[in-house]
Amino acid sequence: MNFAKPDNFSFRHTIYSHGWSELLPFEIDEEKWHLSYVFDDEKFQIPISVTISANEKNINLKFSNENVSQSEKKIVKEKVKHILRLDEDFTQFYKLTSKNKEFKWIAKNNIGRLMRSPTVFEDLVKTICTTNCSWGLTKNMVSNLVNKLGEKTIEGKGAFPKPEALAKMDEKFYREEIRAGYRSPYFVELAESVASEKIDPETWLNSELPTNELKKEMKKIKGVGDYAAENLLKLVGRYDGHALDSFLRSEFCKKHNNGISCDDKEIKEFYNEFGEFCGLAIWFDMTKRWFD
């Protein structure tokens, strides 16, 4: 199955835009530049493993299960478009970055899309798994969630677990089996709230709240502070938060301040010219070497 991709779209730069491609149920093949994912949906009888690739004109989807129905393929197609942000317009971002010689490389290489999960819930859980720990520990927690709680494909690959599956487990399970540490009670409370429809993270995608108000809503969830909320905001299409953490602060000082530490105000002022896209500007400025 294939479908047309936008002209200003780079598949490789999108799937390599941040670390999500390394977190199950995503898997990246850096030799062939293919991205695989295990899709699950309430309309599926069983999760479906799909390999995503691209050529000059199209996005290509290869289904591991030959018995996938046309209706299931249509659902997967829409989820892939969401993951790769194919319907999002970056024209204004490219105009802004093209005015600054240090940022012209962004538009030239069609960079700007931050790959995300098919659901905000998955992005939320994974973001909580990134807080106050190493990337290795993040990968372990997410892998444990997928392998221990996710529904399986016919090949035995795990999907990301649904809120209902997470809600069935107690704090002890998250501490001992997932190795989630202090996050354990947060996962219990979050899963129960989403499963019972007390909260619905998916509504953040189309929320009419101003960014600051939406950020406050996100921070009501235990385990979500300023850093986590501003990263989540970028994944739902709000780029006016900087999401400063130790990595961005350190990289900024190395690149723009002769290695001397500086306060957050100075960092934010540096990206003022990019307005509502300041969060994208700082992220790609600080990760440029990944693409070099």
Protein backbone atom coordinates (compact mmCIF):
# COMPACT_ATOMS: atom_id res chain seq x y z
CA MET A 1 0.00 0.00 0.00
CA ASN A 2 1.32 3.46 -0.81
CA PHE A 3 0.13 7.06 -0.90
CA ALA A 4 1.57 10.41 -1.93
CA LYS A 5 3.78 12.36 0.46
CA PRO A 6 4.04 16.17 0.69
CA ASP A 7 6.73 17.89 -1.38
CA ASN A 8 8.40 19.47 1.65
CA PHE A 9 8.69 16.21 3.58
CA SER A 10 11.83 14.31 4.57
CA PHE A 11 11.09 10.78 5.78
CA ARG A 12 14.58 10.21 7.16
CA HIS A 13 14.70 13.51 9.05
CA THR A 14 11.22 12.96 10.46
CA ILE A 15 11.80 9.48 11.85
CA TYR A 16 15.17 10.64 13.21
CA SER A 17 13.81 13.87 14.66
CA HIS A 18 14.00 12.60 18.25
CA GLY A 19 14.26 9.39 20.21
CA TRP A 20 10.76 7.97 19.71
CA SER A 21 11.97 5.77 16.84
CA GLU A 22 14.06 3.85 19.41
CA LEU A 23 11.13 3.15 21.73
CA LEU A 24 8.91 0.11 21.24
CA PRO A 25 6.63 -0.61 19.52
CA PHE A 26 8.63 1.50 17.04
CA GLU A 27 11.74 -0.05 15.56
CA ILE A 28 14.10 1.65 13.13
CA ASP A 29 16.28 0.02 10.49
CA GLU A 30 19.07 2.55 9.92
CA GLU A 31 20.53 0.58 7.01
CA LYS A 32 17.36 0.46 4.92
CA TRP A 33 15.82 3.53 6.61
CA HIS A 34 12.59 1.73 7.36
CA LEU A 35 10.41 2.34 10.40
CA SER A 36 8.20 -0.40 11.80
CA TYR A 37 5.39 -0.11 14.31
CA VAL A 38 2.80 -2.39 15.87
CA PHE A 39 -0.60 -0.78 15.42
CA ASP A 40 -3.55 -1.56 17.66
CA ASP A 41 -7.07 -0.23 17.50
CA GLU A 42 -10.42 -1.11 19.05
CA LYS A 43 -11.61 -2.07 15.55
CA PHE A 44 -8.76 -4.54 15.05
CA GLN A 45 -9.20 -8.18 16.00
CA ILE A 46 -5.44 -8.39 16.60
CA PRO A 47 -2.60 -5.82 16.44
CA ILE A 48 -0.93 -5.33 13.07
CA SER A 49 2.79 -4.97 12.41
CA VAL A 50 3.62 -2.52 9.60
CA THR A 51 6.88 -1.41 8.01
CA ILE A 52 6.89 2.20 6.82
CA SER A 53 9.27 3.50 4.18
CA ALA A 54 9.36 6.24 1.55
CA ASN A 55 10.64 6.96 -1.91
CA GLU A 56 10.76 10.19 -3.88
CA LYS A 57 6.99 10.40 -4.29
CA ASN A 58 5.24 8.03 -1.89
CA ILE A 59 4.95 6.68 1.62
CA ASN A 60 4.97 2.88 1.44
CA LEU A 61 3.29 0.55 3.94
CA LYS A 62 4.14 -3.14 4.12
CA PHE A 63 1.84 -5.28 6.26
CA SER A 64 3.36 -8.38 7.84
CA ASN A 65 -0.06 -10.05 7.93
CA GLU A 66 -1.54 -10.74 4.50
CA ASN A 67 -5.05 -11.04 5.96
CA VAL A 68 -5.35 -7.35 6.88
CA SER A 69 -8.68 -5.96 5.62
CA GLN A 70 -9.09 -2.83 3.54
CA SER A 71 -10.83 -1.07 6.44
CA GLU A 72 -7.89 -1.92 8.72
CA LYS A 73 -5.43 -0.65 6.13
CA LYS A 74 -7.35 2.61 5.93
CA ILE A 75 -7.12 3.05 9.72
CA VAL A 76 -3.38 2.33 9.65
CA LYS A 77 -2.90 4.86 6.83
CA GLU A 78 -4.52 7.62 8.92
CA LYS A 79 -2.40 6.68 11.92
CA VAL A 80 0.77 6.82 9.82
CA LYS A 81 -0.19 10.28 8.57
CA HIS A 82 -0.57 11.32 12.23
CA ILE A 83 2.77 9.80 13.26
CA LEU A 84 4.64 11.53 10.42
CA ARG A 85 2.56 14.72 10.67
CA LEU A 86 1.89 14.68 6.94
CA ASP A 87 -1.07 17.05 7.14
CA GLU A 88 0.81 19.72 9.08
CA ASP A 89 1.89 22.94 7.37
CA PHE A 90 5.41 24.20 8.13
CA THR A 91 5.46 27.02 5.57
CA GLN A 92 5.64 29.79 8.17
CA PHE A 93 8.38 27.99 10.11
CA TYR A 94 10.43 27.69 6.95
CA LYS A 95 9.93 31.38 6.16
CA LEU A 96 11.20 32.37 9.60
CA THR A 97 14.23 30.07 9.58
CA SER A 98 15.18 31.06 6.02
CA LYS A 99 15.69 34.66 7.20
CA ASN A 100 18.54 33.59 9.51
CA LYS A 101 21.66 32.20 7.84
CA GLU A 102 22.34 29.85 10.77
CA PHE A 103 18.91 28.26 10.36
CA LYS A 104 18.53 28.12 6.57
CA TRP A 105 19.55 24.45 6.62
CA ILE A 106 16.21 23.59 8.25
CA ALA A 107 14.01 24.58 5.31
CA LYS A 108 16.61 23.38 2.81
CA ASN A 109 16.40 19.88 4.25
CA ASN A 110 12.64 19.87 4.92
CA ILE A 111 13.18 19.51 8.66
CA GLY A 112 10.56 20.44 11.23
CA ARG A 113 8.30 17.46 11.80
CA LEU A 114 8.66 15.75 15.17
CA MET A 115 7.60 12.12 14.89
CA ARG A 116 4.97 11.12 17.43
CA SER A 117 2.94 8.11 18.51
CA PRO A 118 -0.49 7.26 17.10
CA THR A 119 -2.12 8.43 20.35
CA VAL A 120 -1.48 11.26 22.77
CA PHE A 121 -1.86 8.76 25.59
CA GLU A 122 1.17 6.82 24.35
CA ASP A 123 3.17 10.04 23.97
CA LEU A 124 2.15 11.04 27.49
CA VAL A 125 3.26 7.77 29.08
CA LYS A 126 6.52 7.76 27.14
CA THR A 127 7.22 11.37 28.09
CA ILE A 128 6.79 10.54 31.78
CA CYS A 129 9.28 7.71 31.20
CA THR A 130 11.89 10.27 30.05
CA THR A 131 11.85 12.37 33.22
CA ASN A 132 14.76 12.34 35.68
CA CYS A 133 16.50 9.31 34.24
CA SER A 134 18.91 8.09 31.57
CA TRP A 135 17.76 7.27 28.03
CA GLY A 136 18.67 3.65 28.70
CA LEU A 137 16.25 3.48 31.61
CA THR A 138 13.54 5.13 29.50
CA LYS A 139 13.97 2.44 26.84
CA ASN A 140 13.80 -0.30 29.45
CA MET A 141 10.59 1.02 30.99
CA VAL A 142 8.84 1.40 27.64
CA SER A 143 10.02 -2.04 26.49
CA ASN A 144 8.68 -3.59 29.69
CA LEU A 145 5.31 -1.90 29.23
CA VAL A 146 5.02 -3.14 25.65
CA ASN A 147 6.28 -6.66 26.26
CA LYS A 148 4.39 -7.31 29.50
CA LEU A 149 1.09 -5.51 28.89
CA GLY A 150 0.69 -4.99 25.13
CA GLU A 151 -1.56 -7.12 22.95
CA LYS A 152 0.44 -9.32 20.54
CA THR A 153 0.47 -9.63 16.76
CA ILE A 154 0.35 -13.07 15.12
CA GLU A 155 4.16 -12.85 14.99
CA GLY A 156 4.32 -12.22 18.73
CA LYS A 157 5.27 -8.54 18.64
CA GLY A 158 3.74 -6.33 21.33
CA ALA A 159 1.63 -3.21 20.78
CA PHE A 160 1.62 -0.30 23.17
CA PRO A 161 -0.80 -1.23 25.98
CA LYS A 162 -4.22 0.35 26.15
CA PRO A 163 -5.18 2.41 29.25
CA GLU A 164 -7.46 -0.43 30.40
CA ALA A 165 -4.53 -2.87 30.46
CA LEU A 166 -2.40 -0.43 32.45
CA ALA A 167 -5.27 0.26 34.86
CA LYS A 168 -5.50 -3.42 35.85
CA MET A 169 -2.03 -3.31 37.40
CA ASP A 170 -1.11 -2.04 40.84
CA GLU A 171 1.77 0.09 42.01
CA LYS A 172 3.83 -2.95 43.02
CA PHE A 173 3.70 -4.28 39.46
CA TYR A 174 5.05 -1.01 38.04
CA ARG A 175 7.84 -0.90 40.59
CA GLU A 176 8.93 -4.52 40.28
CA GLU A 177 8.05 -5.48 36.69
CA ILE A 178 8.27 -2.20 34.79
CA ARG A 179 11.02 -0.74 36.99
CA ALA A 180 9.22 2.60 36.92
CA GLY A 181 10.37 3.77 40.36
CA TYR A 182 8.67 6.92 41.62
CA ARG A 183 6.49 6.95 38.48
CA SER A 184 4.67 3.80 39.56
CA PRO A 185 1.75 5.43 41.41
CA TYR A 186 1.52 8.03 38.63
CA PHE A 187 0.98 5.31 36.04
CA VAL A 188 -1.74 3.71 38.16
CA GLU A 189 -3.60 7.00 38.61
CA LEU A 190 -3.19 8.06 34.99
CA ALA A 191 -4.34 4.74 33.56
CA GLU A 192 -7.39 4.61 35.82
CA SER A 193 -8.33 8.21 34.94
CA VAL A 194 -8.08 7.60 31.19
CA ALA A 195 -9.76 4.18 31.29
CA SER A 196 -12.69 5.62 33.24
CA GLU A 197 -12.84 8.61 30.84
CA LYS A 198 -12.20 11.03 33.68
CA ILE A 199 -9.56 12.59 31.44
CA ASP A 200 -8.98 12.26 27.71
CA PRO A 201 -5.50 13.27 26.48
CA GLU A 202 -6.62 12.92 22.85
CA THR A 203 -8.64 16.13 23.21
CA TRP A 204 -5.37 18.06 23.55
CA LEU A 205 -4.84 17.70 19.80
CA ASN A 206 -7.75 19.98 18.94
CA SER A 207 -8.03 21.98 22.15
CA GLU A 208 -9.07 25.62 21.78
CA LEU A 209 -7.30 26.55 25.02
CA PRO A 210 -4.40 29.02 24.79
CA THR A 211 -1.07 27.23 25.06
CA ASN A 212 -0.46 28.37 28.65
CA GLU A 213 -3.86 27.05 29.73
CA LEU A 214 -3.36 23.76 27.93
CA LYS A 215 0.00 23.44 29.63
CA LYS A 216 -1.73 23.86 33.01
CA GLU A 217 -4.14 21.06 32.08
CA MET A 218 -1.25 18.78 31.24
CA LYS A 219 0.54 19.59 34.49
CA LYS A 220 -2.47 18.44 36.50
CA ILE A 221 -1.31 14.91 35.68
CA LYS A 222 1.17 13.66 38.26
CA GLY A 223 4.61 13.23 36.77
CA VAL A 224 4.15 16.04 34.24
CA GLY A 225 6.12 19.19 35.05
CA ASP A 226 7.21 22.10 32.86
CA TYR A 227 9.68 20.07 30.80
CA ALA A 228 7.28 17.18 30.16
CA ALA A 229 4.35 19.48 29.41
CA GLU A 230 6.30 21.57 26.90
CA ASN A 231 7.50 18.43 25.12
CA LEU A 232 3.93 17.15 24.97
CA LEU A 233 2.80 20.51 23.63
CA LYS A 234 5.17 20.10 20.69
CA LEU A 235 3.76 16.65 20.00
CA VAL A 236 0.23 18.07 19.79
CA GLY A 237 1.36 20.91 17.52
CA ARG A 238 2.11 23.76 19.95
CA TYR A 239 5.68 24.94 19.43
CA ASP A 240 5.85 28.09 21.55
CA GLY A 241 7.40 26.35 24.57
CA HIS A 242 11.15 25.75 24.81
CA ALA A 243 11.05 22.52 26.87
CA LEU A 244 14.41 23.34 28.41
CA ASP A 245 16.19 20.47 30.11
CA SER A 246 19.80 19.68 31.01
CA PHE A 247 20.55 18.53 27.45
CA LEU A 248 19.27 21.69 25.74
CA ARG A 249 20.85 24.00 28.32
CA SER A 250 24.21 22.28 28.00
CA GLU A 251 24.15 22.20 24.20
CA PHE A 252 23.11 25.84 23.96
CA CYS A 253 25.94 27.00 26.17
CA LYS A 254 28.45 24.97 24.17
CA LYS A 255 27.24 26.30 20.84
CA HIS A 256 26.27 29.88 21.57
CA ASN A 257 27.93 30.93 24.85
CA ASN A 258 31.51 29.61 24.69
CA GLY A 259 30.65 26.79 27.07
CA ILE A 260 29.71 29.20 29.85
CA SER A 261 26.44 28.49 31.63
CA CYS A 262 23.65 31.05 31.30
CA ASP A 263 20.15 31.46 32.65
CA ASP A 264 17.00 30.30 30.88
CA LYS A 265 15.90 33.85 30.09
CA GLU A 266 18.97 34.37 27.93
CA ILE A 267 18.36 31.10 26.08
CA LYS A 268 14.72 31.96 25.39
CA GLU A 269 15.59 35.45 24.16
CA PHE A 270 17.96 33.94 21.60
CA TYR A 271 15.00 32.30 19.83
CA ASN A 272 12.51 35.17 20.08
CA GLU A 273 12.62 35.79 16.34
CA PHE A 274 10.95 32.44 15.70
CA GLY A 275 7.83 33.37 17.64
CA GLU A 276 5.34 30.51 17.94
CA PHE A 277 7.94 28.13 16.49
CA CYS A 278 10.66 28.83 19.07
CA GLY A 279 10.38 25.30 20.47
CA LEU A 280 11.15 23.77 17.07
CA ALA A 281 13.95 26.26 16.42
CA ILE A 282 15.84 25.44 19.62
CA TRP A 283 15.33 21.69 19.24
CA PHE A 284 16.70 21.48 15.71
CA ASP A 285 19.43 24.02 16.46
CA MET A 286 20.65 21.85 19.31
CA THR A 287 20.37 18.55 17.39
CA LYS A 288 21.80 19.75 14.07
CA ARG A 289 24.79 17.42 14.42
CA TRP A 290 22.41 14.44 14.30
CA PHE A 291 21.55 15.43 10.74
CA ASP A 292 25.10 16.41 9.74
